[in-house]
Amino acid sequence: MCALAGLVGLLGATAHLVGLTDWEIFFRDNLALRLIAVIVALSFLSLLIYTLFFALPASKTYSFDNNKLMLVDTGVYAICRHPGVIWLGMFYFFAWLATSNAFLLIGCVLFTIMDIVYVVFQDIFIFPKTINRYFEYKKYTPFLIPTRKSLRRAFKKGGCAAGEERNEI
């Protein structure tokens, strides 16, 4: 319920911040570059939506083993443990580049910092208690900053298999 309230609040704040944009400047200055920034921003927004709502298969995410959720360590969740933080920050950064709206830059920094605080809390207190094998996952998947090895694992067909050797970090 708190996550839903946070999402609604973030959407409302973003709509308000975008509404503060001087759209006359948007269409007058560097339109081609601004449109490229919009496309990149929307790409990161799509990655965020995919990561939060579609990358976790319902059969694994909502099936319990010993009263814990099954771990998903493939695809975007092989890149790092909290890829949504990266996508959120990049979405706001490119939205700022597209609009030159200083409030979006402030939002980018504040929302990303708040998201990092939230995922630190999840990583320490929530996920170890609610997700099977989370301590093992922490050993081979970086927290926020992807590594070459984690990127290779993410783009490898199928990501990490359940029994695969994971002493790569």
N, C-alpha and C. Protein backbone atom coordinates (compact mmCIF):
# COMPACT_ATOMS: atom_id res chain seq x y z
N MET A 1 0.81 -1.19 0.00
CA MET A 1 0.00 0.00 0.00
C MET A 1 0.86 1.26 0.00
N CYS A 2 1.97 1.22 0.77
CA CYS A 2 2.87 2.38 0.82
C CYS A 2 3.53 2.60 -0.53
N ALA A 3 3.89 1.49 -1.22
CA ALA A 3 4.52 1.61 -2.53
C ALA A 3 3.56 2.26 -3.52
N LEU A 4 2.29 1.89 -3.46
CA LEU A 4 1.30 2.48 -4.34
C LEU A 4 1.12 3.97 -4.05
N ALA A 5 1.09 4.34 -2.77
CA ALA A 5 0.97 5.75 -2.39
C ALA A 5 2.20 6.53 -2.88
N GLY A 6 3.38 5.94 -2.75
CA GLY A 6 4.59 6.58 -3.22
C GLY A 6 4.59 6.77 -4.73
N LEU A 7 4.12 5.75 -5.45
CA LEU A 7 4.04 5.83 -6.90
C LEU A 7 3.07 6.92 -7.34
N VAL A 8 1.92 6.99 -6.72
CA VAL A 8 0.93 8.02 -7.05
C VAL A 8 1.50 9.41 -6.74
N GLY A 9 2.17 9.55 -5.59
CA GLY A 9 2.78 10.82 -5.24
C GLY A 9 3.86 11.24 -6.23
N LEU A 10 4.68 10.27 -6.65
CA LEU A 10 5.74 10.55 -7.62
C LEU A 10 5.15 10.96 -8.97
N LEU A 11 4.11 10.27 -9.39
CA LEU A 11 3.45 10.64 -10.65
C LEU A 11 2.87 12.04 -10.58
N GLY A 12 2.23 12.36 -9.46
CA GLY A 12 1.66 13.70 -9.29
C GLY A 12 2.73 14.78 -9.29
N ALA A 13 3.82 14.53 -8.56
CA ALA A 13 4.91 15.50 -8.51
C ALA A 13 5.53 15.69 -9.90
N THR A 14 5.70 14.59 -10.61
CA THR A 14 6.29 14.67 -11.96
C THR A 14 5.39 15.46 -12.89
N ALA A 15 4.10 15.19 -12.85
CA ALA A 15 3.15 15.93 -13.70
C ALA A 15 3.21 17.42 -13.37
N HIS A 16 3.29 17.74 -12.10
CA HIS A 16 3.37 19.15 -11.70
C HIS A 16 4.67 19.78 -12.20
N LEU A 17 5.79 19.08 -12.03
CA LEU A 17 7.08 19.61 -12.47
C LEU A 17 7.12 19.80 -13.99
N VAL A 18 6.60 18.84 -14.73
CA VAL A 18 6.56 18.97 -16.19
C VAL A 18 5.67 20.15 -16.58
N GLY A 19 4.60 20.37 -15.82
CA GLY A 19 3.71 21.50 -16.09
C GLY A 19 4.37 22.84 -15.90
N LEU A 20 5.47 22.89 -15.14
CA LEU A 20 6.19 24.14 -14.93
C LEU A 20 7.16 24.47 -16.07
N THR A 21 7.23 23.61 -17.06
CA THR A 21 8.14 23.80 -18.19
C THR A 21 7.66 24.93 -19.09
N ASP A 22 8.60 25.72 -19.56
CA ASP A 22 8.31 26.78 -20.53
C ASP A 22 8.30 26.12 -21.91
N TRP A 23 7.12 25.73 -22.36
CA TRP A 23 7.00 24.97 -23.60
C TRP A 23 7.34 25.79 -24.84
N GLU A 24 7.25 27.11 -24.73
CA GLU A 24 7.63 27.95 -25.87
C GLU A 24 9.11 27.79 -26.17
N ILE A 25 9.94 27.75 -25.13
CA ILE A 25 11.38 27.53 -25.30
C ILE A 25 11.64 26.13 -25.83
N PHE A 26 10.88 25.15 -25.32
CA PHE A 26 11.05 23.76 -25.76
C PHE A 26 10.96 23.67 -27.28
N PHE A 27 9.94 24.30 -27.87
CA PHE A 27 9.72 24.20 -29.30
C PHE A 27 10.58 25.17 -30.11
N ARG A 28 11.17 26.16 -29.46
CA ARG A 28 11.95 27.16 -30.18
C ARG A 28 13.43 26.82 -30.22
N ASP A 29 13.99 26.34 -29.13
CA ASP A 29 15.44 26.13 -29.03
C ASP A 29 15.82 24.65 -29.12
N ASN A 30 16.72 24.32 -30.02
CA ASN A 30 17.29 22.97 -30.13
C ASN A 30 16.23 21.87 -30.15
N LEU A 31 15.24 22.03 -30.98
CA LEU A 31 14.12 21.08 -30.99
C LEU A 31 14.59 19.64 -31.26
N ALA A 32 15.51 19.45 -32.20
CA ALA A 32 15.97 18.09 -32.52
C ALA A 32 16.63 17.44 -31.31
N LEU A 33 17.51 18.18 -30.63
CA LEU A 33 18.18 17.63 -29.44
C LEU A 33 17.18 17.36 -28.32
N ARG A 34 16.22 18.25 -28.18
CA ARG A 34 15.20 18.06 -27.14
C ARG A 34 14.34 16.82 -27.43
N LEU A 35 14.02 16.61 -28.68
CA LEU A 35 13.23 15.44 -29.04
C LEU A 35 14.02 14.14 -28.81
N ILE A 36 15.31 14.17 -29.09
CA ILE A 36 16.16 13.00 -28.80
C ILE A 36 16.17 12.74 -27.29
N ALA A 37 16.30 13.80 -26.49
CA ALA A 37 16.28 13.65 -25.03
C ALA A 37 14.94 13.10 -24.55
N VAL A 38 13.84 13.52 -25.18
CA VAL A 38 12.51 12.99 -24.83
C VAL A 38 12.46 11.50 -25.12
N ILE A 39 12.96 11.10 -26.28
CA ILE A 39 12.95 9.68 -26.65
C ILE A 39 13.79 8.86 -25.67
N VAL A 40 14.96 9.37 -25.31
CA VAL A 40 15.81 8.66 -24.35
C VAL A 40 15.12 8.60 -22.98
N ALA A 41 14.52 9.72 -22.55
CA ALA A 41 13.80 9.74 -21.27
C ALA A 41 12.68 8.72 -21.27
N LEU A 42 11.90 8.67 -22.34
CA LEU A 42 10.80 7.72 -22.42
C LEU A 42 11.31 6.27 -22.47
N SER A 43 12.49 6.07 -23.05
CA SER A 43 13.10 4.74 -23.06
C SER A 43 13.43 4.30 -21.64
N PHE A 44 14.01 5.20 -20.86
CA PHE A 44 14.31 4.87 -19.46
C PHE A 44 13.04 4.68 -18.65
N LEU A 45 12.01 5.45 -18.93
CA LEU A 45 10.73 5.27 -18.26
C LEU A 45 10.15 3.89 -18.60
N SER A 46 10.28 3.48 -19.85
CA SER A 46 9.81 2.15 -20.26
C SER A 46 10.58 1.05 -19.53
N LEU A 47 11.90 1.23 -19.42
CA LEU A 47 12.71 0.26 -18.67
C LEU A 47 12.27 0.19 -17.21
N LEU A 48 11.96 1.35 -16.62
CA LEU A 48 11.50 1.38 -15.24
C LEU A 48 10.19 0.62 -15.08
N ILE A 49 9.24 0.89 -15.96
CA ILE A 49 7.95 0.21 -15.90
C ILE A 49 8.13 -1.29 -16.10
N TYR A 50 8.95 -1.66 -17.08
CA TYR A 50 9.21 -3.09 -17.33
C TYR A 50 9.83 -3.74 -16.09
N THR A 51 10.83 -3.09 -15.51
CA THR A 51 11.54 -3.64 -14.36
C THR A 51 10.62 -3.84 -13.17
N LEU A 52 9.78 -2.86 -12.89
CA LEU A 52 8.93 -2.92 -11.70
C LEU A 52 7.70 -3.81 -11.87
N PHE A 53 7.17 -3.89 -13.10
CA PHE A 53 5.89 -4.57 -13.26
C PHE A 53 5.90 -5.80 -14.15
N PHE A 54 6.94 -5.98 -14.97
CA PHE A 54 6.91 -7.10 -15.91
C PHE A 54 8.13 -8.02 -15.83
N ALA A 55 9.26 -7.57 -15.31
CA ALA A 55 10.47 -8.38 -15.27
C ALA A 55 10.40 -9.48 -14.23
N LEU A 56 9.51 -9.34 -13.28
CA LEU A 56 9.35 -10.35 -12.25
C LEU A 56 8.17 -11.24 -12.62
N PRO A 57 8.44 -12.45 -13.10
CA PRO A 57 7.33 -13.32 -13.49
C PRO A 57 6.46 -13.66 -12.29
N ALA A 58 5.16 -13.55 -12.47
CA ALA A 58 4.22 -13.78 -11.37
C ALA A 58 4.39 -15.16 -10.76
N SER A 59 4.72 -16.16 -11.58
CA SER A 59 4.86 -17.52 -11.05
C SER A 59 6.00 -17.63 -10.05
N LYS A 60 7.09 -16.87 -10.27
CA LYS A 60 8.22 -16.90 -9.32
C LYS A 60 8.04 -15.86 -8.22
N THR A 61 7.52 -14.71 -8.59
CA THR A 61 7.42 -13.61 -7.65
C THR A 61 6.41 -13.87 -6.55
N TYR A 62 5.32 -14.51 -6.92
CA TYR A 62 4.26 -14.69 -5.96
C TYR A 62 4.08 -16.13 -5.50
N SER A 63 5.09 -16.97 -5.80
CA SER A 63 5.05 -18.34 -5.28
C SER A 63 6.02 -18.41 -4.11
N PHE A 64 5.63 -19.06 -3.06
CA PHE A 64 6.41 -19.08 -1.84
C PHE A 64 7.08 -20.43 -1.65
N ASP A 65 8.30 -20.39 -1.14
CA ASP A 65 9.03 -21.58 -0.75
C ASP A 65 9.52 -21.30 0.67
N ASN A 66 9.05 -22.05 1.63
CA ASN A 66 9.37 -21.79 3.04
C ASN A 66 8.92 -20.40 3.46
N ASN A 67 7.75 -19.98 3.01
CA ASN A 67 7.16 -18.68 3.34
C ASN A 67 7.98 -17.50 2.84
N LYS A 68 8.82 -17.71 1.83
CA LYS A 68 9.58 -16.62 1.23
C LYS A 68 9.33 -16.60 -0.26
N LEU A 69 9.47 -15.41 -0.86
CA LEU A 69 9.34 -15.27 -2.30
C LEU A 69 10.52 -15.94 -2.99
N MET A 70 10.29 -16.46 -4.18
CA MET A 70 11.37 -17.05 -4.96
C MET A 70 12.21 -15.92 -5.56
N LEU A 71 13.51 -16.10 -5.56
CA LEU A 71 14.45 -15.11 -6.08
C LEU A 71 14.41 -15.10 -7.61
N VAL A 72 14.41 -13.91 -8.19
CA VAL A 72 14.57 -13.73 -9.63
C VAL A 72 15.91 -13.03 -9.83
N ASP A 73 16.86 -13.74 -10.47
CA ASP A 73 18.20 -13.17 -10.65
C ASP A 73 18.61 -13.18 -12.11
N THR A 74 17.64 -13.04 -12.99
CA THR A 74 17.90 -13.03 -14.42
C THR A 74 17.49 -11.69 -15.00
N GLY A 75 17.85 -11.47 -16.27
CA GLY A 75 17.46 -10.25 -16.97
C GLY A 75 17.94 -9.00 -16.26
N VAL A 76 17.06 -8.03 -16.08
CA VAL A 76 17.47 -6.76 -15.45
C VAL A 76 17.93 -6.96 -14.01
N TYR A 77 17.43 -8.02 -13.36
CA TYR A 77 17.83 -8.27 -11.97
C TYR A 77 19.16 -9.01 -11.87
N ALA A 78 19.82 -9.27 -13.01
CA ALA A 78 21.19 -9.75 -13.01
C ALA A 78 22.15 -8.56 -13.14
N ILE A 79 21.65 -7.45 -13.67
CA ILE A 79 22.47 -6.24 -13.85
C ILE A 79 22.90 -5.71 -12.48
N CYS A 80 21.94 -5.49 -11.62
CA CYS A 80 22.17 -5.07 -10.24
C CYS A 80 20.92 -5.38 -9.45
N ARG A 81 21.02 -5.29 -8.13
CA ARG A 81 19.88 -5.69 -7.30
C ARG A 81 18.72 -4.70 -7.38
N HIS A 82 18.99 -3.46 -7.74
CA HIS A 82 17.94 -2.44 -7.79
C HIS A 82 18.07 -1.60 -9.06
N PRO A 83 17.84 -2.22 -10.24
CA PRO A 83 18.01 -1.48 -11.50
C PRO A 83 17.00 -0.34 -11.68
N GLY A 84 15.88 -0.41 -10.99
CA GLY A 84 14.89 0.67 -11.11
C GLY A 84 15.43 2.02 -10.67
N VAL A 85 16.38 2.02 -9.75
CA VAL A 85 16.98 3.29 -9.31
C VAL A 85 17.72 3.95 -10.47
N ILE A 86 18.44 3.14 -11.23
CA ILE A 86 19.18 3.67 -12.39
C ILE A 86 18.19 4.23 -13.41
N TRP A 87 17.16 3.45 -13.74
CA TRP A 87 16.20 3.89 -14.75
C TRP A 87 15.47 5.16 -14.31
N LEU A 88 15.09 5.23 -13.02
CA LEU A 88 14.39 6.42 -12.51
C LEU A 88 15.28 7.66 -12.63
N GLY A 89 16.50 7.55 -12.16
CA GLY A 89 17.42 8.69 -12.21
C GLY A 89 17.68 9.14 -13.64
N MET A 90 17.88 8.18 -14.55
CA MET A 90 18.15 8.54 -15.95
C MET A 90 16.91 9.14 -16.62
N PHE A 91 15.73 8.63 -16.26
CA PHE A 91 14.51 9.23 -16.80
C PHE A 91 14.43 10.71 -16.45
N TYR A 92 14.62 11.03 -15.17
CA TYR A 92 14.52 12.43 -14.75
C TYR A 92 15.65 13.28 -15.32
N PHE A 93 16.85 12.70 -15.44
CA PHE A 93 17.97 13.45 -16.01
C PHE A 93 17.67 13.83 -17.46
N PHE A 94 17.21 12.87 -18.26
CA PHE A 94 16.93 13.18 -19.66
C PHE A 94 15.66 14.03 -19.81
N ALA A 95 14.71 13.91 -18.90
CA ALA A 95 13.55 14.80 -18.91
C ALA A 95 14.00 16.23 -18.66
N TRP A 96 14.97 16.39 -17.75
CA TRP A 96 15.52 17.72 -17.51
C TRP A 96 16.24 18.24 -18.74
N LEU A 97 17.07 17.37 -19.37
CA LEU A 97 17.76 17.80 -20.59
C LEU A 97 16.77 18.22 -21.68
N ALA A 98 15.67 17.50 -21.77
CA ALA A 98 14.68 17.80 -22.81
C ALA A 98 13.99 19.13 -22.56
N THR A 99 13.71 19.44 -21.31
CA THR A 99 12.88 20.60 -20.99
C THR A 99 13.64 21.82 -20.48
N SER A 100 14.89 21.62 -20.03
CA SER A 100 15.66 22.69 -19.37
C SER A 100 14.94 23.22 -18.14
N ASN A 101 14.10 22.39 -17.55
CA ASN A 101 13.32 22.77 -16.38
C ASN A 101 14.16 22.49 -15.13
N ALA A 102 14.60 23.55 -14.46
CA ALA A 102 15.46 23.40 -13.28
C ALA A 102 14.78 22.58 -12.18
N PHE A 103 13.46 22.68 -12.10
CA PHE A 103 12.74 21.91 -11.08
C PHE A 103 12.84 20.41 -11.34
N LEU A 104 12.90 20.01 -12.62
CA LEU A 104 13.08 18.59 -12.93
C LEU A 104 14.48 18.12 -12.53
N LEU A 105 15.48 18.98 -12.65
CA LEU A 105 16.82 18.61 -12.20
C LEU A 105 16.83 18.42 -10.68
N ILE A 106 16.19 19.33 -9.97
CA ILE A 106 16.08 19.19 -8.51
C ILE A 106 15.31 17.91 -8.18
N GLY A 107 14.22 17.67 -8.90
CA GLY A 107 13.45 16.44 -8.71
C GLY A 107 14.29 15.21 -9.00
N CYS A 108 15.09 15.27 -10.05
CA CYS A 108 15.98 14.16 -10.39
C CYS A 108 16.87 13.80 -9.21
N VAL A 109 17.50 14.79 -8.64
CA VAL A 109 18.41 14.56 -7.51
C VAL A 109 17.63 14.07 -6.28
N LEU A 110 16.56 14.77 -5.93
CA LEU A 110 15.80 14.39 -4.73
C LEU A 110 15.13 13.03 -4.86
N PHE A 111 14.48 12.78 -5.98
CA PHE A 111 13.78 11.51 -6.16
C PHE A 111 14.76 10.34 -6.19
N THR A 112 15.92 10.56 -6.81
CA THR A 112 16.92 9.48 -6.87
C THR A 112 17.50 9.21 -5.48
N ILE A 113 17.78 10.26 -4.72
CA ILE A 113 18.28 10.07 -3.36
C ILE A 113 17.24 9.35 -2.51
N MET A 114 15.98 9.76 -2.62
CA MET A 114 14.92 9.09 -1.85
C MET A 114 14.77 7.63 -2.27
N ASP A 115 14.92 7.34 -3.55
CA ASP A 115 14.85 5.97 -4.03
C ASP A 115 16.02 5.14 -3.50
N ILE A 116 17.20 5.73 -3.45
CA ILE A 116 18.36 5.02 -2.90
C ILE A 116 18.15 4.70 -1.42
N VAL A 117 17.64 5.66 -0.67
CA VAL A 117 17.35 5.41 0.76
C VAL A 117 16.35 4.26 0.89
N TYR A 118 15.32 4.26 0.05
CA TYR A 118 14.30 3.22 0.08
C TYR A 118 14.89 1.84 -0.24
N VAL A 119 15.75 1.75 -1.28
CA VAL A 119 16.29 0.44 -1.64
C VAL A 119 17.34 -0.04 -0.64
N VAL A 120 18.03 0.89 0.02
CA VAL A 120 18.95 0.48 1.09
C VAL A 120 18.14 -0.17 2.21
N PHE A 121 17.02 0.45 2.57
CA PHE A 121 16.15 -0.12 3.59
C PHE A 121 15.65 -1.50 3.16
N GLN A 122 15.19 -1.62 1.92
CA GLN A 122 14.74 -2.91 1.41
C GLN A 122 15.86 -3.94 1.45
N ASP A 123 17.04 -3.54 1.01
CA ASP A 123 18.17 -4.46 0.90
C ASP A 123 18.64 -4.98 2.26
N ILE A 124 18.52 -4.15 3.29
CA ILE A 124 18.99 -4.54 4.63
C ILE A 124 17.89 -5.22 5.43
N PHE A 125 16.69 -4.67 5.41
CA PHE A 125 15.66 -5.13 6.34
C PHE A 125 14.54 -5.99 5.73
N ILE A 126 14.16 -5.71 4.49
CA ILE A 126 12.98 -6.37 3.93
C ILE A 126 13.34 -7.62 3.12
N PHE A 127 14.15 -7.47 2.11
CA PHE A 127 14.39 -8.57 1.18
C PHE A 127 15.08 -9.79 1.81
N PRO A 128 16.04 -9.62 2.71
CA PRO A 128 16.63 -10.83 3.32
C PRO A 128 15.59 -11.68 4.06
N LYS A 129 14.55 -11.05 4.56
CA LYS A 129 13.51 -11.79 5.30
C LYS A 129 12.41 -12.32 4.39
N THR A 130 12.24 -11.72 3.21
CA THR A 130 11.09 -12.08 2.37
C THR A 130 11.46 -12.81 1.08
N ILE A 131 12.73 -12.81 0.68
CA ILE A 131 13.12 -13.43 -0.59
C ILE A 131 14.13 -14.54 -0.32
N ASN A 132 13.81 -15.71 -0.82
CA ASN A 132 14.68 -16.88 -0.70
C ASN A 132 16.05 -16.60 -1.34
N ARG A 133 17.12 -17.03 -0.70
CA ARG A 133 18.49 -16.95 -1.23
C ARG A 133 18.97 -15.51 -1.44
N TYR A 134 18.39 -14.53 -0.75
CA TYR A 134 18.77 -13.13 -0.99
C TYR A 134 20.22 -12.87 -0.58
N PHE A 135 20.68 -13.50 0.52
CA PHE A 135 22.07 -13.28 0.94
C PHE A 135 23.03 -13.79 -0.12
N GLU A 136 22.72 -14.92 -0.75
CA GLU A 136 23.55 -15.45 -1.83
C GLU A 136 23.53 -14.49 -3.03
N TYR A 137 22.36 -14.01 -3.38
CA TYR A 137 22.18 -13.06 -4.49
C TYR A 137 23.05 -11.82 -4.28
N LYS A 138 23.13 -11.35 -3.05
CA LYS A 138 23.94 -10.16 -2.73
C LYS A 138 25.41 -10.41 -3.00
N LYS A 139 25.86 -11.66 -2.94
CA LYS A 139 27.28 -11.98 -3.15
C LYS A 139 27.68 -11.87 -4.61
N TYR A 140 26.75 -12.15 -5.54
CA TYR A 140 27.14 -12.17 -6.95
C TYR A 140 26.46 -11.09 -7.80
N THR A 141 25.61 -10.28 -7.20
CA THR A 141 24.95 -9.21 -7.95
C THR A 141 25.21 -7.88 -7.25
N PRO A 142 25.79 -6.91 -7.96
CA PRO A 142 26.08 -5.62 -7.31
C PRO A 142 24.82 -4.90 -6.86
N PHE A 143 24.98 -4.03 -5.88
CA PHE A 143 23.86 -3.30 -5.30
C PHE A 143 23.21 -2.37 -6.32
N LEU A 144 23.94 -1.37 -6.81
CA LEU A 144 23.39 -0.39 -7.75
C LEU A 144 24.21 -0.21 -9.02
N ILE A 145 25.51 -0.30 -8.91
CA ILE A 145 26.39 -0.02 -10.04
C ILE A 145 26.74 -1.33 -10.75
N PRO A 146 26.27 -1.51 -11.99
CA PRO A 146 26.56 -2.76 -12.71
C PRO A 146 28.06 -2.93 -12.95
N THR A 147 28.47 -4.17 -13.03
CA THR A 147 29.84 -4.52 -13.38
C THR A 147 29.82 -5.18 -14.75
N ARG A 148 31.00 -5.37 -15.35
CA ARG A 148 31.06 -6.08 -16.62
C ARG A 148 30.45 -7.48 -16.49
N LYS A 149 30.81 -8.14 -15.40
CA LYS A 149 30.31 -9.50 -15.21
C LYS A 149 28.80 -9.53 -15.02
N SER A 150 28.27 -8.57 -14.28
CA SER A 150 26.81 -8.57 -14.09
C SER A 150 26.09 -8.23 -15.39
N LEU A 151 26.66 -7.35 -16.19
CA LEU A 151 26.06 -7.03 -17.49
C LEU A 151 26.10 -8.24 -18.42
N ARG A 152 27.23 -8.97 -18.43
CA ARG A 152 27.32 -10.18 -19.24
C ARG A 152 26.28 -11.21 -18.80
N ARG A 153 26.14 -11.36 -17.49
CA ARG A 153 25.14 -12.30 -16.96
C ARG A 153 23.73 -11.90 -17.38
N ALA A 154 23.45 -10.61 -17.36
CA ALA A 154 22.11 -10.13 -17.68
C ALA A 154 21.76 -10.38 -19.14
N PHE A 155 22.75 -10.24 -20.01
CA PHE A 155 22.47 -10.39 -21.43
C PHE A 155 22.68 -11.81 -21.94
N LYS A 156 23.20 -12.66 -21.07
CA LYS A 156 23.34 -14.08 -21.40
C LYS A 156 21.94 -14.68 -21.41
N LYS A 157 21.68 -15.54 -22.37
CA LYS A 157 20.33 -16.13 -22.47
C LYS A 157 19.98 -16.82 -21.16
N GLY A 158 18.89 -16.36 -20.56
CA GLY A 158 18.41 -16.98 -19.33
C GLY A 158 19.04 -16.42 -18.07
N GLY A 159 20.05 -15.55 -18.19
CA GLY A 159 20.68 -15.00 -16.99
C GLY A 159 21.36 -16.08 -16.17
N CYS A 160 21.25 -16.02 -14.87
CA CYS A 160 21.87 -17.00 -13.97
C CYS A 160 20.92 -18.17 -13.77
N ALA A 161 21.44 -19.35 -13.95
CA ALA A 161 20.64 -20.53 -13.64
C ALA A 161 20.71 -20.78 -12.14
N ALA A 162 19.72 -21.45 -11.61
CA ALA A 162 19.62 -21.65 -10.17
C ALA A 162 20.86 -22.31 -9.56
N GLY A 163 21.49 -23.24 -10.26
CA GLY A 163 22.63 -23.93 -9.69
C GLY A 163 23.97 -23.45 -10.22
N GLU A 164 23.98 -22.39 -11.00
CA GLU A 164 25.20 -21.92 -11.65
C GLU A 164 26.22 -21.39 -10.65
N GLU A 165 27.48 -21.56 -10.99
CA GLU A 165 28.57 -21.04 -10.15
C GLU A 165 28.49 -19.52 -10.15
N ARG A 166 28.61 -18.90 -8.96
CA ARG A 166 28.41 -17.45 -8.88
C ARG A 166 29.54 -16.75 -8.13
N ASN A 167 30.74 -17.16 -8.31
CA ASN A 167 31.86 -16.47 -7.65
C ASN A 167 32.55 -15.54 -8.64
N GLU A 168 31.74 -14.72 -9.32
CA GLU A 168 32.25 -13.88 -10.40
C GLU A 168 32.55 -12.44 -10.02
N ILE A 169 32.13 -12.00 -8.85
CA ILE A 169 32.32 -10.59 -8.50
C ILE A 169 33.63 -10.40 -7.78
